[in-house]
C-alpha atoms as a PDB file:
ATOM      1  CA  MET A   1       0.106   0.031  -0.104  1.00  0.00           C
ATOM      2  CA  ARG A   2       1.333   3.383  -1.106  1.00  0.00           C
ATOM      3  CA  ALA A   3       1.906   6.321   1.191  1.00  0.00           C
ATOM      4  CA  PRO A   4      -0.482   9.269   0.726  1.00  0.00           C
ATOM      5  CA  ARG A   5       0.874  11.518  -2.291  1.00  0.00           C
ATOM      6  CA  LEU A   6      -0.989  14.587  -2.760  1.00  0.00           C
ATOM      7  CA  ALA A   7      -3.901  16.546  -1.191  1.00  0.00           C
ATOM      8  CA  ALA A   8      -5.417  17.498  -4.467  1.00  0.00           C
ATOM      9  CA  ALA A   9      -9.129  18.125  -4.924  1.00  0.00           C
ATOM     10  CA  LEU A  10     -10.895  15.903  -7.297  1.00  0.00           C
ATOM     11  CA  VAL A  11     -10.930  17.772 -10.856  1.00  0.00           C
ATOM     12  CA  VAL A  12     -12.811  16.950 -14.198  1.00  0.00           C
ATOM     13  CA  LEU A  13     -10.072  17.213 -16.731  1.00  0.00           C
ATOM     14  CA  PRO A  14     -10.385  19.150 -19.998  1.00  0.00           C
ATOM     15  CA  LEU A  15      -9.366  17.275 -23.044  1.00  0.00           C
ATOM     16  CA  LEU A  16      -5.941  18.628 -24.221  1.00  0.00           C
ATOM     17  CA  GLY A  17      -4.939  15.984 -26.857  1.00  0.00           C
ATOM     18  CA  GLY A  18      -2.016  13.911 -26.962  1.00  0.00           C
ATOM     19  CA  LEU A  19       1.772  14.656 -27.541  1.00  0.00           C
ATOM     20  CA  THR A  20       2.546  16.031 -30.926  1.00  0.00           C
ATOM     21  CA  ALA A  21       5.100  14.667 -33.150  1.00  0.00           C
ATOM     22  CA  ALA A  22       6.853  17.990 -32.860  1.00  0.00           C
ATOM     23  CA  SER A  23       7.078  17.553 -29.040  1.00  0.00           C
ATOM     24  CA  VAL A  24       9.077  14.237 -29.178  1.00  0.00           C
ATOM     25  CA  PRO A  25      12.696  14.759 -29.755  1.00  0.00           C
ATOM     26  CA  ALA A  26      14.656  12.574 -31.920  1.00  0.00           C
ATOM     27  CA  ASP A  27      16.684  10.771 -29.237  1.00  0.00           C
ATOM     28  CA  ALA A  28      19.372   8.432 -29.409  1.00  0.00           C
ATOM     29  CA  GLU A  29      19.035   4.729 -31.161  1.00  0.00           C
ATOM     30  CA  VAL A  30      16.000   2.810 -29.965  1.00  0.00           C
ATOM     31  CA  ARG A  31      15.518  -0.871 -29.043  1.00  0.00           C
ATOM     32  CA  ARG A  32      13.251  -2.249 -31.821  1.00  0.00           C
ATOM     33  CA  GLY A  33      10.696  -4.743 -30.708  1.00  0.00           C
ATOM     34  CA  ALA A  34      11.300  -4.639 -27.103  1.00  0.00           C
ATOM     35  CA  VAL A  35       7.582  -4.488 -25.967  1.00  0.00           C
ATOM     36  CA  ALA A  36       6.040  -7.550 -26.712  1.00  0.00           C
ATOM     37  CA  GLY A  37       3.496  -7.456 -29.489  1.00  0.00           C
ATOM     38  CA  THR A  38       4.714  -4.287 -30.903  1.00  0.00           C
ATOM     39  CA  ALA A  39       7.524  -2.747 -33.149  1.00  0.00           C
ATOM     40  CA  CYS A  40       8.289  -0.337 -30.407  1.00  0.00           C
ATOM     41  CA  SER A  41      11.273   0.178 -28.411  1.00  0.00           C
ATOM     42  CA  GLU A  42      11.252   0.343 -24.569  1.00  0.00           C
ATOM     43  CA  PHE A  43      12.869   3.827 -24.430  1.00  0.00           C
ATOM     44  CA  PRO A  44      16.138   4.822 -26.276  1.00  0.00           C
ATOM     45  CA  SER A  45      19.236   2.718 -25.833  1.00  0.00           C
ATOM     46  CA  ASP A  46      20.769   5.543 -24.018  1.00  0.00           C
ATOM     47  CA  SER A  47      18.160   5.580 -21.437  1.00  0.00           C
ATOM     48  CA  TRP A  48      19.017   5.524 -17.830  1.00  0.00           C
ATOM     49  CA  TRP A  49      16.764   2.307 -17.435  1.00  0.00           C
ATOM     50  CA  HIS A  50      19.485   0.516 -19.444  1.00  0.00           C
ATOM     51  CA  ALA A  51      22.534   2.051 -18.047  1.00  0.00           C
ATOM     52  CA  ASP A  52      25.177  -0.478 -16.767  1.00  0.00           C
ATOM     53  CA  VAL A  53      25.957   0.374 -13.154  1.00  0.00           C
ATOM     54  CA  ARG A  54      28.608  -2.277 -12.553  1.00  0.00           C
ATOM     55  CA  GLY A  55      31.404   0.358 -12.502  1.00  0.00           C
ATOM     56  CA  LEU A  56      29.611   3.407 -10.585  1.00  0.00           C
ATOM     57  CA  PRO A  57      30.842   4.227  -6.905  1.00  0.00           C
ATOM     58  CA  VAL A  58      28.983   3.128  -3.977  1.00  0.00           C
ATOM     59  CA  HIS A  59      26.604   6.058  -2.751  1.00  0.00           C
ATOM     60  CA  ALA A  60      27.868   7.656   0.532  1.00  0.00           C
ATOM     61  CA  ARG A  61      24.356   6.995   2.135  1.00  0.00           C
ATOM     62  CA  SER A  62      24.299   3.358   0.952  1.00  0.00           C
ATOM     63  CA  ARG A  63      24.764   2.058   4.486  1.00  0.00           C
ATOM     64  CA  GLN A  64      22.169   4.529   6.125  1.00  0.00           C
ATOM     65  CA  TRP A  65      19.425   3.703   3.609  1.00  0.00           C
ATOM     66  CA  LEU A  66      19.910  -0.206   3.935  1.00  0.00           C
ATOM     67  CA  SER A  67      19.826  -0.037   7.497  1.00  0.00           C
ATOM     68  CA  ARG A  68      16.335   1.629   7.339  1.00  0.00           C
ATOM     69  CA  MET A  69      15.120  -1.024   4.652  1.00  0.00           C
ATOM     70  CA  ALA A  70      15.783  -3.925   6.889  1.00  0.00           C
ATOM     71  CA  ALA A  71      18.865  -4.755   4.790  1.00  0.00           C
ATOM     72  CA  GLY A  72      21.733  -4.287   7.153  1.00  0.00           C
ATOM     73  CA  PRO A  73      24.658  -6.789   7.472  1.00  0.00           C
ATOM     74  CA  THR A  74      22.904  -8.693  10.000  1.00  0.00           C
ATOM     75  CA  SER A  75      19.400  -8.660   8.287  1.00  0.00           C
ATOM     76  CA  ASP A  76      17.653 -11.647   7.227  1.00  0.00           C
ATOM     77  CA  THR A  77      15.268  -9.839   4.842  1.00  0.00           C
ATOM     78  CA  ASP A  78      15.204 -11.572   1.264  1.00  0.00           C
ATOM     79  CA  LEU A  79      13.727 -10.257  -1.836  1.00  0.00           C
ATOM     80  CA  HIS A  80      10.191 -10.996  -2.728  1.00  0.00           C
ATOM     81  CA  PRO A  81       9.059 -11.293  -6.347  1.00  0.00           C
ATOM     82  CA  ASP A  82       5.688  -9.388  -6.613  1.00  0.00           C
ATOM     83  CA  PHE A  83       4.486 -11.532  -9.373  1.00  0.00           C
ATOM     84  CA  GLY A  84       4.160 -15.272 -10.061  1.00  0.00           C
ATOM     85  CA  PRO A  85       1.962 -18.156 -10.482  1.00  0.00           C
ATOM     86  CA  SER A  86       0.248 -18.559  -7.249  1.00  0.00           C
ATOM     87  CA  TYR A  87       0.361 -15.556  -4.963  1.00  0.00           C
ATOM     88  CA  GLY A  88      -1.307 -12.283  -4.334  1.00  0.00           C
ATOM     89  CA  ASP A  89      -4.552 -11.381  -6.292  1.00  0.00           C
ATOM     90  CA  GLY A  90      -4.956 -14.399  -8.325  1.00  0.00           C
ATOM     91  CA  PRO A  91      -3.407 -17.378  -9.657  1.00  0.00           C
ATOM     92  CA  ASP A  92      -1.239 -15.478 -12.121  1.00  0.00           C
ATOM     93  CA  TYR A  93      -0.714 -12.159 -10.568  1.00  0.00           C
ATOM     94  CA  GLY A  94       1.828  -9.202 -11.406  1.00  0.00           C
ATOM     95  CA  THR A  95       1.427  -6.076 -13.428  1.00  0.00           C
ATOM     96  CA  PRO A  96      -0.577  -6.579 -16.842  1.00  0.00           C
ATOM     97  CA  VAL A  97       0.294  -4.681 -19.984  1.00  0.00           C
ATOM     98  CA  THR A  98      -2.392  -3.964 -22.581  1.00  0.00           C
ATOM     99  CA  VAL A  99      -1.364  -3.357 -26.028  1.00  0.00           C
ATOM    100  CA  VAL A 100      -3.838  -1.516 -28.389  1.00  0.00           C
ATOM    101  CA  GLY A 101      -3.795   0.027 -31.885  1.00  0.00           C
ATOM    102  CA  ARG A 102      -3.628   3.547 -33.009  1.00  0.00           C
ATOM    103  CA  ARG A 103      -7.515   3.395 -33.827  1.00  0.00           C
ATOM    104  CA  HIS A 104      -8.581   2.232 -30.229  1.00  0.00           C
ATOM    105  CA  ARG A 105     -11.135   4.574 -28.860  1.00  0.00           C
ATOM    106  CA  LYS A 106      -9.799   7.102 -26.226  1.00  0.00           C
ATOM    107  CA  VAL A 107     -11.812   8.464 -23.524  1.00  0.00           C
ATOM    108  CA  PRO A 108     -11.698  11.418 -20.978  1.00  0.00           C
ATOM    109  CA  VAL A 109     -10.271  10.291 -17.371  1.00  0.00           C
ATOM    110  CA  ARG A 110     -11.396  12.069 -14.134  1.00  0.00           C
ATOM    111  CA  PHE A 111      -8.082  12.303 -11.821  1.00  0.00           C
ATOM    112  CA  ASP A 112      -7.695  12.664  -8.034  1.00  0.00           C
ATOM    113  CA  HIS A 113      -4.338  14.286  -8.614  1.00  0.00           C
ATOM    114  CA  ALA A 114      -5.175  16.297 -11.751  1.00  0.00           C
ATOM    115  CA  SER A 115      -2.586  18.929 -11.350  1.00  0.00           C
ATOM    116  CA  GLU A 116       0.502  16.385 -11.968  1.00  0.00           C
ATOM    117  CA  SER A 117      -1.525  14.270 -14.562  1.00  0.00           C
ATOM    118  CA  ASP A 118      -1.295  14.309 -18.312  1.00  0.00           C
ATOM    119  CA  ARG A 119      -4.922  15.476 -19.149  1.00  0.00           C
ATOM    120  CA  VAL A 120      -5.395  13.769 -22.347  1.00  0.00           C
ATOM    121  CA  ARG A 121      -7.813  10.935 -23.731  1.00  0.00           C
ATOM    122  CA  TYR A 122      -6.418   7.512 -22.678  1.00  0.00           C
ATOM    123  CA  PRO A 123      -7.116   4.156 -24.822  1.00  0.00           C
ATOM    124  CA  LEU A 124      -9.399   2.566 -22.097  1.00  0.00           C
ATOM    125  CA  GLY A 125     -11.982  -0.022 -22.643  1.00  0.00           C
ATOM    126  CA  ARG A 126     -13.420  -3.433 -21.867  1.00  0.00           C
ATOM    127  CA  ASP A 127      -9.928  -4.954 -23.097  1.00  0.00           C
ATOM    128  CA  THR A 128      -7.936  -2.840 -20.419  1.00  0.00           C
ATOM    129  CA  ARG A 129      -6.305  -5.076 -17.998  1.00  0.00           C
ATOM    130  CA  ILE A 130      -5.898  -3.617 -14.705  1.00  0.00           C
ATOM    131  CA  GLU A 131      -3.382  -4.974 -11.908  1.00  0.00           C
ATOM    132  CA  GLY A 132      -5.452  -7.209  -9.544  1.00  0.00           C
ATOM    133  CA  GLY A 133      -8.346  -6.982 -11.408  1.00  0.00           C
ATOM    134  CA  ARG A 134     -11.182  -4.276 -11.496  1.00  0.00           C
ATOM    135  CA  ARG A 135     -12.399  -5.207  -8.097  1.00  0.00           C
ATOM    136  CA  SER A 136      -9.010  -5.198  -6.403  1.00  0.00           C
ATOM    137  CA  ASP A 137      -8.396  -2.742  -3.395  1.00  0.00           C
ATOM    138  CA  GLY A 138      -4.693  -2.400  -4.472  1.00  0.00           C
ATOM    139  CA  ASP A 139      -2.931  -0.051  -6.606  1.00  0.00           C
ATOM    140  CA  ARG A 140      -5.103  -0.969  -9.805  1.00  0.00           C
ATOM    141  CA  HIS A 141      -2.247   0.074 -12.246  1.00  0.00           C
ATOM    142  CA  ALA A 142      -3.234   0.124 -16.026  1.00  0.00           C
ATOM    143  CA  ILE A 143      -0.285  -0.061 -18.361  1.00  0.00           C
ATOM    144  CA  ILE A 144      -1.274   0.574 -21.888  1.00  0.00           C
ATOM    145  CA  VAL A 145       1.071   0.670 -24.919  1.00  0.00           C
ATOM    146  CA  ASP A 146      -0.413   2.059 -28.485  1.00  0.00           C
ATOM    147  CA  LYS A 147       1.618   0.089 -30.989  1.00  0.00           C
ATOM    148  CA  GLY A 148       0.828   2.359 -33.581  1.00  0.00           C
ATOM    149  CA  THR A 149       2.241   5.472 -32.038  1.00  0.00           C
ATOM    150  CA  CYS A 150       4.759   3.756 -29.581  1.00  0.00           C
ATOM    151  CA  ARG A 151       2.945   5.856 -26.941  1.00  0.00           C
ATOM    152  CA  LEU A 152       2.716   4.394 -23.343  1.00  0.00           C
ATOM    153  CA  TYR A 153      -0.187   5.556 -20.897  1.00  0.00           C
ATOM    154  CA  GLU A 154       0.039   4.458 -17.283  1.00  0.00           C
ATOM    155  CA  LEU A 155      -2.675   5.095 -14.613  1.00  0.00           C
ATOM    156  CA  TYR A 156      -2.928   4.451 -10.829  1.00  0.00           C
ATOM    157  CA  GLY A 157      -6.175   3.554  -9.077  1.00  0.00           C
ATOM    158  CA  THR A 158      -7.711   2.786 -12.275  1.00  0.00           C
ATOM    159  CA  ARG A 159     -11.590   2.336 -12.025  1.00  0.00           C
ATOM    160  CA  GLN A 160     -14.918   2.842 -13.575  1.00  0.00           C
ATOM    161  CA  VAL A 161     -17.710   4.810 -11.656  1.00  0.00           C
ATOM    162  CA  GLY A 162     -21.133   5.060 -13.115  1.00  0.00           C
ATOM    163  CA  GLY A 163     -19.505   3.903 -16.616  1.00  0.00           C
ATOM    164  CA  ARG A 164     -17.037   6.939 -16.638  1.00  0.00           C
ATOM    165  CA  TRP A 165     -13.316   6.360 -16.072  1.00  0.00           C
ATOM    166  CA  ARG A 166     -11.566   7.620 -13.013  1.00  0.00           C
ATOM    167  CA  ALA A 167      -8.010   7.121 -11.729  1.00  0.00           C
ATOM    168  CA  GLY A 168      -5.524   8.601  -9.176  1.00  0.00           C
ATOM    169  CA  SER A 169      -3.096   9.936 -11.479  1.00  0.00           C
ATOM    170  CA  GLY A 170      -2.046   9.405 -15.113  1.00  0.00           C
ATOM    171  CA  ALA A 171       0.892   9.821 -17.265  1.00  0.00           C
ATOM    172  CA  VAL A 172       1.943   9.497 -21.018  1.00  0.00           C
ATOM    173  CA  TRP A 173       5.274   8.969 -22.665  1.00  0.00           C
ATOM    174  CA  SER A 174       6.702   8.525 -26.185  1.00  0.00           C
ATOM    175  CA  LEU A 175       8.713   5.299 -26.064  1.00  0.00           C
ATOM    176  CA  ARG A 176      11.110   6.888 -28.573  1.00  0.00           C
ATOM    177  CA  SER A 177      12.240   9.747 -26.241  1.00  0.00           C
ATOM    178  CA  ASN A 178      14.068  10.307 -22.926  1.00  0.00           C
ATOM    179  CA  LYS A 179      12.156  13.259 -21.963  1.00  0.00           C
ATOM    180  CA  LEU A 180      11.211  13.336 -18.375  1.00  0.00           C
ATOM    181  CA  ARG A 181       7.887  14.668 -16.758  1.00  0.00           C
ATOM    182  CA  PRO A 182       8.253  18.161 -15.035  1.00  0.00           C
ATOM    183  CA  ASP A 183      10.137  17.862 -11.718  1.00  0.00           C
ATOM    184  CA  GLY A 184       7.718  17.544  -8.918  1.00  0.00           C
ATOM    185  CA  TRP A 185       5.226  15.778 -10.996  1.00  0.00           C
ATOM    186  CA  THR A 186       3.887  12.264 -10.064  1.00  0.00           C
ATOM    187  CA  SER A 187       3.102   9.464 -12.550  1.00  0.00           C
ATOM    188  CA  ALA A 188       1.286   6.328 -11.982  1.00  0.00           C
ATOM    189  CA  ASP A 189       4.424   5.535  -9.518  1.00  0.00           C
ATOM    190  CA  ALA A 190       5.211   7.665  -6.550  1.00  0.00           C
ATOM    191  CA  ALA A 191       8.640   8.397  -8.159  1.00  0.00           C
ATOM    192  CA  GLY A 192       7.218  10.170 -11.118  1.00  0.00           C
ATOM    193  CA  LEU A 193       8.840   7.262 -13.419  1.00  0.00           C
ATOM    194  CA  PRO A 194       7.138   4.944 -16.055  1.00  0.00           C
ATOM    195  CA  ILE A 195       6.559   1.462 -14.588  1.00  0.00           C
ATOM    196  CA  LEU A 196       6.741  -0.501 -18.047  1.00  0.00           C
ATOM    197  CA  PRO A 197      10.773  -0.263 -18.280  1.00  0.00           C
ATOM    198  CA  GLY A 198      11.098  -1.562 -14.752  1.00  0.00           C
ATOM    199  CA  LEU A 199       8.953  -4.727 -15.084  1.00  0.00           C
ATOM    200  CA  LEU A 200      10.730  -8.089 -15.351  1.00  0.00           C
ATOM    201  CA  ARG A 201       9.299 -10.064 -18.135  1.00  0.00           C
ATOM    202  CA  TRP A 202       9.307 -13.922 -18.662  1.00  0.00           C
ATOM    203  CA  ASN A 203      10.176 -13.496 -22.373  1.00  0.00           C
ATOM    204  CA  GLU A 204      13.341 -11.587 -21.581  1.00  0.00           C
ATOM    205  CA  VAL A 205      14.307 -14.060 -18.739  1.00  0.00           C
ATOM    206  CA  ARG A 206      13.649 -16.990 -20.953  1.00  0.00           C
ATOM    207  CA  THR A 207      15.659 -15.660 -23.715  1.00  0.00           C
ATOM    208  CA  ASP A 208      18.518 -14.204 -21.458  1.00  0.00           C
ATOM    209  CA  ARG A 209      17.929 -10.387 -22.785  1.00  0.00           C
ATOM    210  CA  ILE A 210      17.252  -8.516 -19.553  1.00  0.00           C
ATOM    211  CA  ASP A 211      18.873  -5.214 -19.985  1.00  0.00           C
ATOM    212  CA  HIS A 212      17.168  -2.804 -17.646  1.00  0.00           C
ATOM    213  CA  ALA A 213      16.884  -1.850 -14.020  1.00  0.00           C
ATOM    214  CA  ILE A 214      13.980  -3.473 -12.187  1.00  0.00           C
ATOM    215  CA  ARG A 215      11.372  -1.512 -10.157  1.00  0.00           C
ATOM    216  CA  PHE A 216      10.996  -2.209  -6.338  1.00  0.00           C
ATOM    217  CA  THR A 217       9.470  -0.914  -3.352  1.00  0.00           C
ATOM    218  CA  THR A 218      10.336  -0.195   0.296  1.00  0.00           C
ATOM    219  CA  ASP A 219       8.012   0.978   3.274  1.00  0.00           C
ATOM    220  CA  VAL A 220       9.692   4.167   4.780  1.00  0.00           C
ATOM    221  CA  THR A 221      11.171   6.635   2.451  1.00  0.00           C
ATOM    222  CA  SER A 222      12.164  10.245   2.583  1.00  0.00           C
ATOM    223  CA  ARG A 223      10.663  13.217   1.085  1.00  0.00           C
ATOM    224  CA  HIS A 224      13.444  13.658  -1.571  1.00  0.00           C
ATOM    225  CA  HIS A 225      13.971  12.124  -4.928  1.00  0.00           C
ATOM    226  CA  LEU A 226      16.903  11.617  -7.270  1.00  0.00           C
ATOM    227  CA  TRP A 227      17.283  12.186 -10.890  1.00  0.00           C
ATOM    228  CA  PRO A 228      15.629  10.824 -13.026  1.00  0.00           C
ATOM    229  CA  ALA A 229      12.747  10.538 -10.509  1.00  0.00           C
ATOM    230  CA  ARG A 230      10.663  13.330 -10.508  1.00  0.00           C
ATOM    231  CA  HIS A 231       8.447  12.911  -7.309  1.00  0.00           C
ATOM    232  CA  ASP A 232       8.314  11.510  -3.885  1.00  0.00           C
ATOM    233  CA  ALA A 233       6.013  10.458  -1.467  1.00  0.00           C
ATOM    234  CA  GLY A 234       8.083   9.686   1.797  1.00  0.00           C
ATOM    235  CA  SER A 235       7.028  10.111   5.456  1.00  0.00           C
ATOM    236  CA  GLN A 236      10.655  11.229   6.437  1.00  0.00           C
ATOM    237  CA  ASN A 237      12.619  14.546   6.115  1.00  0.00           C
ATOM    238  CA  SER A 238      15.754  12.917   6.936  1.00  0.00           C
ATOM    239  CA  LEU A 239      18.187  11.975   4.191  1.00  0.00           C
ATOM    240  CA  ALA A 240      19.340   9.075   5.944  1.00  0.00           C
ATOM    241  CA  TYR A 241      16.125   7.438   4.545  1.00  0.00           C
ATOM    242  CA  PRO A 242      16.062   6.185   0.954  1.00  0.00           C
ATOM    243  CA  PRO A 243      14.786   8.528  -1.719  1.00  0.00           C
ATOM    244  CA  MET A 244      12.742   7.868  -4.669  1.00  0.00           C
ATOM    245  CA  GLY A 245      14.947   6.938  -7.824  1.00  0.00           C
ATOM    246  CA  ALA A 246      17.539   5.302  -5.614  1.00  0.00           C
ATOM    247  CA  ARG A 247      19.473   2.550  -7.510  1.00  0.00           C
ATOM    248  CA  PHE A 248      20.637  -0.345  -5.662  1.00  0.00           C
ATOM    249  CA  ARG A 249      23.038  -2.934  -7.317  1.00  0.00           C
ATOM    250  CA  LEU A 250      23.672  -6.555  -6.206  1.00  0.00           C
ATOM    251  CA  LYS A 251      27.283  -7.185  -5.260  1.00  0.00           C
ATOM    252  CA  ALA A 252      29.494  -9.022  -7.832  1.00  0.00           C
ATOM    253  CA  SER A 253      30.722 -11.227  -5.145  1.00  0.00           C
ATOM    254  CA  TRP A 254      27.285 -12.738  -4.243  1.00  0.00           C
ATOM    255  CA  SER A 255      27.121 -16.234  -5.669  1.00  0.00           C
ATOM    256  CA  ALA A 256      23.916 -17.647  -7.418  1.00  0.00           C
ATOM    257  CA  ALA A 257      25.302 -21.199  -7.237  1.00  0.00           C
ATOM    258  CA  GLY A 258      22.450 -23.625  -6.445  1.00  0.00           C
ATOM    259  CA  LEU A 259      19.831 -21.335  -8.512  1.00  0.00           C
ATOM    260  CA  GLY A 260      18.350 -22.417 -11.587  1.00  0.00           C
ATOM    261  CA  ALA A 261      19.399 -21.035 -14.982  1.00  0.00           C
ATOM    262  CA  PRO A 262      16.649 -18.356 -15.470  1.00  0.00           C
ATOM    263  CA  ALA A 263      17.367 -17.094 -11.684  1.00  0.00           C
ATOM    264  CA  ARG A 264      20.904 -16.833 -12.493  1.00  0.00           C
ATOM    265  CA  ARG A 265      20.076 -14.481 -15.582  1.00  0.00           C
ATOM    266  CA  VAL A 266      18.022 -12.217 -13.219  1.00  0.00           C
ATOM    267  CA  VAL A 267      20.937 -12.367 -10.601  1.00  0.00           C
ATOM    268  CA  ALA A 268      23.249 -11.041 -13.527  1.00  0.00           C
ATOM    269  CA  ALA A 269      20.831  -8.332 -14.667  1.00  0.00           C
ATOM    270  CA  MET A 270      20.684  -7.170 -10.807  1.00  0.00           C
ATOM    271  CA  LYS A 271      24.463  -6.998 -10.891  1.00  0.00           C
ATOM    272  CA  THR A 272      24.600  -5.058 -14.215  1.00  0.00           C
ATOM    273  CA  TYR A 273      21.422  -2.926 -14.030  1.00  0.00           C
ATOM    274  CA  GLY A 274      20.219  -3.195 -10.493  1.00  0.00           C
ATOM    275  CA  LEU A 275      17.039  -2.292  -8.853  1.00  0.00           C
ATOM    276  CA  VAL A 276      15.308   1.243  -8.805  1.00  0.00           C
ATOM    277  CA  LEU A 277      13.269   2.551  -5.879  1.00  0.00           C
ATOM    278  CA  ALA A 278       9.945   3.596  -7.534  1.00  0.00           C
ATOM    279  CA  ASP A 279       7.170   3.475  -4.863  1.00  0.00           C
ATOM    280  CA  ASN A 280       6.276   2.887  -1.348  1.00  0.00           C
ATOM    281  CA  GLY A 281       5.299  -0.556  -0.413  1.00  0.00           C
ATOM    282  CA  SER A 282       6.427  -3.780   1.212  1.00  0.00           C
ATOM    283  CA  PRO A 283      10.096  -3.775   1.490  1.00  0.00           C
ATOM    284  CA  TRP A 284      12.268  -5.407  -1.214  1.00  0.00           C
ATOM    285  CA  PHE A 285       9.114  -6.383  -3.314  1.00  0.00           C
ATOM    286  CA  PHE A 286      10.173  -6.207  -6.926  1.00  0.00           C
ATOM    287  CA  GLN A 287       7.791  -6.140  -9.754  1.00  0.00           C
ATOM    288  CA  GLY A 288       7.194  -8.341 -12.952  1.00  0.00           C
ATOM    289  CA  GLU A 289       4.519  -8.517 -15.747  1.00  0.00           C
ATOM    290  CA  GLN A 290       1.461 -10.692 -15.089  1.00  0.00           C
ATOM    291  CA  ASN A 291       2.271 -13.856 -17.071  1.00  0.00           C
ATOM    292  CA  GLY A 292       0.944 -17.298 -16.575  1.00  0.00           C
ATOM    293  CA  ALA A 293       4.335 -18.891 -17.966  1.00  0.00           C
ATOM    294  CA  TRP A 294       6.256 -17.674 -14.875  1.00  0.00           C
ATOM    295  CA  PRO A 295       7.884 -20.967 -13.442  1.00  0.00           C
ATOM    296  CA  GLU A 296       7.418 -21.633  -9.808  1.00  0.00           C
ATOM    297  CA  THR A 297      10.792 -22.644  -9.358  1.00  0.00           C
ATOM    298  CA  LEU A 298      11.990 -19.450 -10.470  1.00  0.00           C
ATOM    299  CA  ILE A 299       9.968 -17.415  -8.218  1.00  0.00           C
ATOM    300  CA  GLU A 300      11.187 -19.577  -5.401  1.00  0.00           C
ATOM    301  CA  ASP A 301      14.856 -19.083  -6.394  1.00  0.00           C
ATOM    302  CA  LEU A 302      14.473 -15.233  -6.596  1.00  0.00           C
ATOM    303  CA  GLY A 303      13.009 -15.146  -2.993  1.00  0.00           C
ATOM    304  CA  THR A 304      16.250 -16.507  -1.674  1.00  0.00           C
ATOM    305  CA  ILE A 305      18.312 -13.359  -2.685  1.00  0.00           C
ATOM    306  CA  PRO A 306      19.226 -11.614   0.259  1.00  0.00           C
ATOM    307  CA  ALA A 307      18.613  -7.733   0.596  1.00  0.00           C
ATOM    308  CA  SER A 308      21.939  -7.319   2.543  1.00  0.00           C
ATOM    309  CA  ALA A 309      23.892  -8.160  -0.692  1.00  0.00           C
ATOM    310  CA  PHE A 310      22.863  -4.980  -2.241  1.00  0.00           C
ATOM    311  CA  VAL A 311      24.341  -1.513  -2.186  1.00  0.00           C
ATOM    312  CA  ALA A 312      23.175   1.801  -3.251  1.00  0.00           C
ATOM    313  CA  VAL A 313      24.842   3.405  -6.247  1.00  0.00           C
ATOM    314  CA  ASP A 314      25.779   6.944  -7.173  1.00  0.00           C
ATOM    315  CA  THR A 315      24.159   7.616 -10.500  1.00  0.00           C
ATOM    316  CA  SER A 316      24.650  11.365 -10.546  1.00  0.00           C
ATOM    317  CA  SER A 317      27.701  10.989 -13.071  1.00  0.00           C
ATOM    318  CA  LEU A 318      25.261   9.580 -15.675  1.00  0.00           C
ATOM    319  CA  LYS A 319      23.161  12.697 -15.836  1.00  0.00           C
ATOM    320  CA  VAL A 320      23.510  14.783 -19.181  1.00  0.00           C
ATOM    321  CA  THR A 321      20.626  17.097 -18.362  1.00  0.00           C
ATOM    322  CA  ASP A 322      18.028  17.379 -15.659  1.00  0.00           C
ATOM    323  CA  GLY A 323      15.037  17.204 -17.945  1.00  0.00           C
ATOM    324  CA  SER A 324      16.348  13.925 -19.866  1.00  0.00           C
ATOM    325  CA  GLY A 325      16.734  10.375 -18.880  1.00  0.00           C
ATOM    326  CA  ALA A 326      19.633  10.074 -21.353  1.00  0.00           C
ATOM    327  CA  VAL A 327      22.894   8.978 -19.854  1.00  0.00           C
ATOM    328  CA  GLU A 328      26.522   9.769 -20.756  1.00  0.00           C
END
């Protein structure tokens, strides 16, 4: 369960239209076909999400942050895969992704946090898959990719009331651009980041092609955020608590001996790309797509990785400009 975010009044949104082609910068080379069922990239190849963090220094506050995340040297906290075949809200739980065509009907949405939401029409309908199902009392994220325009739509607290769509907040990105949201704005995530690029997906595990950081949560965070995060929703003013956008790398020395081949691939990705703190929630829960193919043995293996084997890394040297997620 996430912490409260904004004390905004409910507002009916005007329809401002989508992003125009002129507003999407021609960024670096894109990764073709990374989003299943589309020819769309999952953000450009020089995106922060794809940055190799093996050579980055340990963050000066790494030990402080870990001690407040039940991950100190003597901790017995393990990672928790927040997806899989037989847990949570159903037999195959995780974060679903809906792919639509450019002709899909787009509808207005009424947001709780309208001032920080992208006030456009969203491609919602009977085909929209919602995290946990439409009757869930959880975050009810809706992740939608328009395969015709390679535009990503994400909503938090998605529901229908009296036949009309409502949500807590919503955000839209071009999957071909590194452009970030305005600083201070939330998204469907407390960190103001997109959810899609941080989801672990079975096909990339199966084919050994994981090339991005993985989204995770913890329970107590600071009221600060680190680039490229744009927003925070913590309860602590102290910098000794982890901020949104903090990146954590699995130590190279941690041995995956005894784990199955799929789990070893995920371990390698956690050592190369790490985890990114993106929302408030249960400590060390990391997210993946909803997919009935997830092997139970893989989920069990991933649940044995100790949180104490991670360090926070300093990613400040990667930044090119504050408004872009592109890295050096």
